[in-house]
Amino acid sequence: MLFRRLLQISGFAALVTLHTACQSADNGDTGYVDAEEAASATTGESAAVAATDAYVVDVTAVDFAFQAPDEIPSGWTTFRMANAGQQEHFLYLYRLPEDVTYERFLEEAIGPFTEVWEAYASGEIDQAEAGRRFGEQIPAWFFNDMVSVGGPALTEPGETSQATVLLEPGTYVMECYVKTPEGRWHTELGMQRKFTVTDEETGAPMPEADVELTLSNYAIEGSSQLTSGTHTVAVRVTENPEGFMKHDLNLFRLDGETTVDEIVAWMNWMDLEEGFRAPAPGYSLGGVEHLTAGRTGFTTVQLTPGDYAWISEEYGIRGAVLEFTVE
């Protein structure tokens, strides 16, 4: 049973995508930059643009909104997210089913989720009952038909991260569902909005990667021998996990005091005390957000000497962790 499985893992993380009303940050900027501008505009140690002919969409994450375009062409697109806020943010992108409008998404998914979550957070129901109610009230299309296409993963304040993803035409949602230190979802505070991908194509090629990582149930396979400098990492997903949550990959730099186990535990957002509340116990440098099986996302990172770990938000607890050291 799907929702029995939800109770066995760190739980319901994609359902946070449903939490609360949507607000939009509109700064009147298209968010598009050309290749020359992209090569010179990056800031933060995790930012770099590898392909000079990349099509780049600049997104600014603030506390708590995205400053981003409302329309984007289809094709290979690099989302470069500057975290100008005081808390960690990410940019999770997913495409709604063709027959599901954004208004229907809000009505059929966000409303029921909010009701159940509030009952769970208040102590009115336990986690098992929350799972049962989610199963009854969230529509099947949310689990089966939405397509997760990636986006820049968890990013520390002041850093800029990027991910290159393939966009097909349709209606999309972008969001960040980290929690504030007080336990409020960033989505609740405004970090969820729709955008449209048009039939016009970017014409950008698929990036060329020098590192490849493969996500399966439930492991990260690929090179752990990385050198100091800039790397473009291809993140390939070969299968969907059981249940609704797709694989993702977050890069953390370890400071010698924080353990991987502490970060994995923090990623359990069903933990009402600490789960997914900013600040994270490790220093986040981006990665690639959730991807439906068969898709590939790319992230370009700049590494300095130190200890690092790739960690799956949902499946790190099941072994999807890859630690490495840069000399």
Protein backbone atom coordinates (compact mmCIF):
# COMPACT_ATOMS: atom_id res chain seq x y z
CA MET A 1 0.00 0.00 0.00
CA LEU A 2 1.34 3.41 -1.02
CA PHE A 3 0.67 5.20 2.25
CA ARG A 4 1.91 2.38 4.45
CA ARG A 5 5.17 2.92 2.61
CA LEU A 6 5.02 6.66 3.30
CA LEU A 7 5.04 5.94 7.02
CA GLN A 8 8.18 3.81 6.79
CA ILE A 9 10.39 6.48 5.29
CA SER A 10 11.24 9.97 6.38
CA GLY A 11 7.89 10.81 5.01
CA PHE A 12 5.64 12.79 2.70
CA ALA A 13 8.31 15.29 1.62
CA ALA A 14 6.86 15.95 -1.81
CA LEU A 15 3.53 16.64 -0.18
CA VAL A 16 5.01 19.73 1.35
CA THR A 17 4.77 21.04 -2.18
CA LEU A 18 1.10 21.36 -1.42
CA HIS A 19 1.38 23.43 1.71
CA THR A 20 -0.56 26.65 1.62
CA ALA A 21 -1.58 29.52 -0.60
CA CYS A 22 0.72 30.73 -3.32
CA GLN A 23 2.24 34.17 -3.53
CA SER A 24 4.26 35.48 -6.47
CA ALA A 25 7.30 37.72 -6.54
CA ASP A 26 7.21 39.81 -9.71
CA ASN A 27 10.08 42.19 -10.19
CA GLY A 28 9.25 42.90 -13.82
CA ASP A 29 12.48 41.28 -15.02
CA THR A 30 12.44 38.57 -17.65
CA GLY A 31 15.17 36.67 -15.83
CA TYR A 32 16.90 35.79 -19.12
CA VAL A 33 20.58 36.46 -19.72
CA ASP A 34 22.79 35.64 -22.65
CA ALA A 35 25.89 33.45 -22.48
CA GLU A 36 28.40 36.29 -22.11
CA GLU A 37 26.45 37.84 -19.27
CA ALA A 38 25.99 34.45 -17.63
CA ALA A 39 29.71 33.80 -17.63
CA SER A 40 30.46 37.04 -15.79
CA ALA A 41 27.52 37.37 -13.42
CA THR A 42 27.85 34.37 -11.11
CA THR A 43 28.59 34.90 -7.42
CA GLY A 44 29.24 32.54 -4.54
CA GLU A 45 31.70 29.66 -4.49
CA SER A 46 29.14 27.13 -5.77
CA ALA A 47 28.31 29.08 -8.92
CA ALA A 48 29.73 28.53 -12.38
CA VAL A 49 28.41 28.28 -15.92
CA ALA A 50 30.23 25.59 -17.85
CA ALA A 51 28.61 25.83 -21.27
CA THR A 52 29.12 29.16 -23.00
CA ASP A 53 26.03 28.54 -25.14
CA ALA A 54 23.78 27.70 -22.19
CA TYR A 55 20.38 29.33 -21.89
CA VAL A 56 20.29 30.81 -18.40
CA VAL A 57 17.32 31.87 -16.30
CA ASP A 58 18.32 33.92 -13.28
CA VAL A 59 16.20 33.40 -10.16
CA THR A 60 16.66 35.27 -6.89
CA ALA A 61 15.45 33.54 -3.74
CA VAL A 62 14.59 35.88 -0.87
CA ASP A 63 12.83 35.34 2.44
CA PHE A 64 10.24 34.36 1.23
CA ALA A 65 9.65 34.57 -2.50
CA PHE A 66 11.16 33.81 -5.90
CA GLN A 67 11.98 36.63 -8.26
CA ALA A 68 11.67 34.81 -11.56
CA PRO A 69 10.05 35.06 -15.01
CA ASP A 70 6.47 33.95 -15.59
CA GLU A 71 7.25 32.44 -19.02
CA ILE A 72 10.26 30.41 -20.13
CA PRO A 73 10.99 28.74 -23.49
CA SER A 74 11.20 24.96 -23.66
CA GLY A 75 14.38 22.92 -24.03
CA TRP A 76 17.59 22.67 -22.04
CA THR A 77 17.57 25.49 -19.50
CA THR A 78 20.03 26.46 -16.79
CA PHE A 79 18.38 27.84 -13.65
CA ARG A 80 20.86 29.92 -11.72
CA MET A 81 19.51 30.65 -8.25
CA ALA A 82 21.08 33.34 -6.06
CA ASN A 83 20.08 32.92 -2.43
CA ALA A 84 19.69 36.50 -1.21
CA GLY A 85 17.81 35.40 1.90
CA GLN A 86 18.90 34.57 5.42
CA GLN A 87 17.82 30.91 5.29
CA GLU A 88 18.54 27.95 3.02
CA HIS A 89 16.44 27.75 -0.14
CA PHE A 90 16.06 25.48 -3.14
CA LEU A 91 14.18 25.63 -6.44
CA TYR A 92 12.10 22.50 -7.02
CA LEU A 93 10.45 22.45 -10.46
CA TYR A 94 7.63 20.17 -11.58
CA ARG A 95 5.16 20.05 -14.44
CA LEU A 96 1.44 19.69 -13.79
CA PRO A 97 -0.58 17.15 -15.82
CA GLU A 98 -2.04 18.59 -19.01
CA ASP A 99 -5.62 18.61 -17.72
CA VAL A 100 -4.75 20.11 -14.31
CA THR A 101 -4.80 23.89 -14.06
CA TYR A 102 -2.89 25.72 -11.36
CA GLU A 103 -6.22 26.69 -9.78
CA ARG A 104 -7.27 23.05 -9.67
CA PHE A 105 -3.89 22.19 -8.16
CA LEU A 106 -4.49 24.71 -5.37
CA GLU A 107 -8.03 23.52 -4.72
CA GLU A 108 -7.58 19.77 -4.90
CA ALA A 109 -4.10 19.39 -3.46
CA ILE A 110 -3.09 22.37 -1.34
CA GLY A 111 -6.37 22.66 0.50
CA PRO A 112 -6.54 19.03 1.69
CA PHE A 113 -2.86 18.97 2.55
CA THR A 114 -3.10 22.10 4.66
CA GLU A 115 -6.05 20.72 6.59
CA VAL A 116 -4.37 17.40 7.35
CA TRP A 117 -0.99 18.97 8.16
CA GLU A 118 -2.50 21.40 10.63
CA ALA A 119 -4.23 18.54 12.41
CA TYR A 120 -0.95 16.62 12.57
CA ALA A 121 1.14 19.60 13.71
CA SER A 122 -1.36 20.46 16.46
CA GLY A 123 -1.26 16.93 17.86
CA GLU A 124 -4.87 16.21 16.94
CA ILE A 125 -3.78 13.19 14.86
CA ASP A 126 -0.61 11.10 14.74
CA GLN A 127 1.62 10.38 11.75
CA ALA A 128 -0.21 7.19 10.83
CA GLU A 129 -3.56 8.94 10.75
CA ALA A 130 -2.04 11.81 8.75
CA GLY A 131 -0.85 9.30 6.18
CA ARG A 132 -4.27 7.71 5.95
CA ARG A 133 -5.96 11.08 5.44
CA PHE A 134 -3.41 12.16 2.84
CA GLY A 135 -4.18 8.95 0.98
CA GLU A 136 -7.89 9.63 1.02
CA GLN A 137 -7.84 13.34 0.24
CA ILE A 138 -4.92 13.99 -2.14
CA PRO A 139 -5.85 13.16 -5.77
CA ALA A 140 -4.09 10.31 -7.57
CA TRP A 141 -2.84 12.61 -10.34
CA PHE A 142 -0.59 14.35 -7.82
CA PHE A 143 1.33 11.13 -7.20
CA ASN A 144 1.13 9.53 -10.61
CA ASP A 145 1.08 12.23 -13.27
CA MET A 146 3.15 15.20 -12.11
CA VAL A 147 6.66 15.23 -13.61
CA SER A 148 9.59 16.29 -11.43
CA VAL A 149 12.20 17.98 -13.62
CA GLY A 150 14.84 19.06 -11.08
CA GLY A 151 16.20 22.52 -10.27
CA PRO A 152 18.93 23.85 -7.96
CA ALA A 153 18.96 21.96 -4.65
CA LEU A 154 19.54 23.27 -1.11
CA THR A 155 21.67 26.40 -1.19
CA GLU A 156 23.24 28.32 1.69
CA PRO A 157 22.45 32.03 2.19
CA GLY A 158 24.80 34.13 0.09
CA GLU A 159 25.57 31.30 -2.31
CA THR A 160 24.51 30.90 -5.95
CA SER A 161 23.76 27.42 -7.26
CA GLN A 162 22.62 26.18 -10.62
CA ALA A 163 21.03 23.21 -12.30
CA THR A 164 20.35 22.54 -15.98
CA VAL A 165 17.12 20.71 -16.76
CA LEU A 166 15.03 19.76 -19.79
CA LEU A 167 11.69 21.59 -19.95
CA GLU A 168 8.75 20.49 -22.08
CA PRO A 169 5.89 22.92 -22.77
CA GLY A 170 3.27 23.10 -20.03
CA THR A 171 2.29 24.60 -16.68
CA TYR A 172 4.90 24.30 -13.97
CA VAL A 173 5.29 25.04 -10.28
CA MET A 174 8.46 26.25 -8.56
CA GLU A 175 8.79 26.04 -4.82
CA CYS A 176 10.90 25.81 -1.70
CA TYR A 177 9.54 23.90 1.29
CA VAL A 178 12.29 24.42 3.87
CA LYS A 179 10.91 25.48 7.26
CA THR A 180 11.71 28.63 9.20
CA PRO A 181 13.35 28.21 12.63
CA GLU A 182 9.82 28.60 14.05
CA GLY A 183 8.53 25.73 11.91
CA ARG A 184 6.59 27.57 9.18
CA TRP A 185 6.91 26.31 5.61
CA HIS A 186 8.61 28.62 3.14
CA THR A 187 5.78 27.71 0.74
CA GLU A 188 3.31 29.05 3.27
CA LEU A 189 5.18 32.34 3.31
CA GLY A 190 5.28 32.78 -0.46
CA MET A 191 7.87 30.46 -2.00
CA GLN A 192 5.53 28.69 -4.39
CA ARG A 193 4.39 30.01 -7.76
CA LYS A 194 3.46 28.86 -11.22
CA PHE A 195 5.19 29.57 -14.50
CA THR A 196 4.58 28.60 -18.10
CA VAL A 197 6.96 26.85 -20.47
CA THR A 198 6.16 27.84 -24.03
CA ASP A 199 6.51 26.05 -27.37
CA GLU A 200 9.39 28.35 -28.28
CA GLU A 201 12.68 26.50 -27.81
CA THR A 202 15.88 27.70 -26.16
CA GLY A 203 18.07 25.93 -28.71
CA ALA A 204 20.64 25.20 -26.00
CA PRO A 205 22.42 21.83 -26.13
CA MET A 206 22.52 19.28 -23.36
CA PRO A 207 25.50 20.13 -21.11
CA GLU A 208 28.72 18.14 -21.26
CA ALA A 209 29.57 16.65 -17.87
CA ASP A 210 32.93 15.58 -16.49
CA VAL A 211 31.31 13.68 -13.59
CA GLU A 212 28.35 11.29 -13.73
CA LEU A 213 26.26 10.12 -10.79
CA THR A 214 23.38 7.64 -11.01
CA LEU A 215 20.52 7.48 -8.51
CA SER A 216 18.65 4.23 -8.01
CA ASN A 217 16.81 2.49 -5.18
CA TYR A 218 18.65 3.37 -2.95
CA ALA A 219 22.19 4.24 -3.83
CA ILE A 220 24.35 6.90 -5.45
CA GLU A 221 26.80 5.41 -7.92
CA GLY A 222 29.64 7.26 -9.60
CA SER A 223 32.96 8.92 -9.00
CA SER A 224 33.91 10.02 -5.51
CA GLN A 225 37.37 11.13 -6.63
CA LEU A 226 36.82 14.82 -7.34
CA THR A 227 39.47 17.48 -7.58
CA SER A 228 39.49 21.11 -6.55
CA GLY A 229 37.93 23.37 -9.16
CA THR A 230 34.81 23.49 -11.31
CA HIS A 231 32.87 20.34 -12.23
CA THR A 232 29.69 19.80 -14.22
CA VAL A 233 27.89 16.79 -12.75
CA ALA A 234 25.30 14.75 -14.64
CA VAL A 235 22.69 13.30 -12.26
CA ARG A 236 20.83 10.41 -13.88
CA VAL A 237 17.80 8.74 -12.31
CA THR A 238 17.16 5.16 -13.38
CA GLU A 239 14.04 4.28 -11.40
CA ASN A 240 11.33 5.82 -9.28
CA PRO A 241 11.31 4.86 -5.62
CA GLU A 242 8.32 3.07 -4.18
CA GLY A 243 5.74 5.67 -3.23
CA PHE A 244 5.56 9.23 -4.49
CA MET A 245 8.89 10.88 -3.65
CA LYS A 246 11.46 11.08 -6.46
CA HIS A 247 15.24 11.01 -6.10
CA ASP A 248 17.25 14.20 -5.65
CA LEU A 249 20.86 15.04 -4.83
CA ASN A 250 22.10 17.70 -2.39
CA LEU A 251 25.75 18.69 -1.98
CA PHE A 252 26.98 19.51 1.53
CA ARG A 253 30.40 20.63 2.69
CA LEU A 254 31.21 19.12 6.07
CA ASP A 255 32.94 21.21 8.72
CA GLY A 256 34.49 18.40 10.75
CA GLU A 257 31.90 18.67 13.51
CA THR A 258 28.65 17.95 11.67
CA THR A 259 28.09 14.34 10.66
CA VAL A 260 26.24 13.02 7.64
CA ASP A 261 23.82 11.27 10.01
CA GLU A 262 22.87 14.63 11.51
CA ILE A 263 22.10 16.06 8.07
CA VAL A 264 20.09 12.98 7.09
CA ALA A 265 18.06 13.26 10.31
CA TRP A 266 17.46 16.97 9.69
CA MET A 267 15.97 16.16 6.29
CA ASN A 268 13.07 14.30 7.92
CA TRP A 269 10.55 17.14 7.70
CA MET A 270 7.87 15.07 9.46
CA ASP A 271 9.88 15.64 12.62
CA LEU A 272 7.93 18.53 14.14
CA GLU A 273 10.80 19.63 16.38
CA GLU A 274 13.83 19.88 14.08
CA GLY A 275 12.96 18.44 10.67
CA PHE A 276 13.90 20.72 7.75
CA ARG A 277 14.04 23.82 9.97
CA ALA A 278 16.64 26.38 8.97
CA PRO A 279 19.51 26.47 9.53
CA ALA A 280 20.71 23.11 8.23
CA PRO A 281 23.47 21.37 10.19
CA GLY A 282 25.72 21.31 7.10
CA TYR A 283 26.77 23.90 4.51
CA SER A 284 24.63 23.41 1.40
CA LEU A 285 26.05 24.03 -2.06
CA GLY A 286 23.22 23.11 -4.42
CA GLY A 287 22.74 19.95 -6.45
CA VAL A 288 19.74 18.74 -8.44
CA GLU A 289 16.19 18.63 -7.09
CA HIS A 290 13.77 15.73 -7.55
CA LEU A 291 13.75 13.99 -10.93
CA THR A 292 11.27 11.52 -12.38
CA ALA A 293 12.89 8.26 -13.51
CA GLY A 294 14.50 8.44 -16.94
CA ARG A 295 15.43 12.10 -16.61
CA THR A 296 18.87 13.67 -16.22
CA GLY A 297 19.74 16.94 -14.54
CA PHE A 298 23.07 18.74 -14.39
CA THR A 299 24.68 20.85 -11.71
CA THR A 300 27.90 22.84 -11.97
CA VAL A 301 29.80 23.22 -8.72
CA GLN A 302 33.09 24.73 -7.65
CA LEU A 303 34.93 22.68 -5.05
CA THR A 304 37.65 23.74 -2.66
CA PRO A 305 39.71 21.37 -0.48
CA GLY A 306 37.64 19.73 2.24
CA ASP A 307 35.14 17.00 3.04
CA TYR A 308 31.82 16.75 1.21
CA ALA A 309 28.77 14.54 0.84
CA TRP A 310 26.07 14.03 -1.76
CA ILE A 311 22.85 13.25 0.12
CA SER A 312 19.34 12.35 -1.02
CA GLU A 313 16.71 14.26 0.94
CA GLU A 314 14.27 11.39 1.19
CA TYR A 315 16.53 8.36 0.81
CA GLY A 316 19.70 9.27 2.63
CA ILE A 317 18.21 7.33 5.52
CA ARG A 318 18.23 4.27 3.25
CA GLY A 319 21.83 4.63 2.15
CA ALA A 320 21.67 7.21 -0.66
CA VAL A 321 24.80 9.03 0.52
CA LEU A 322 28.18 9.46 -1.16
CA GLU A 323 30.98 11.05 0.86
CA PHE A 324 34.19 12.32 -0.71
CA THR A 325 37.24 14.42 0.06
CA VAL A 326 38.78 17.10 -2.15
CA GLU A 327 42.53 17.39 -1.58
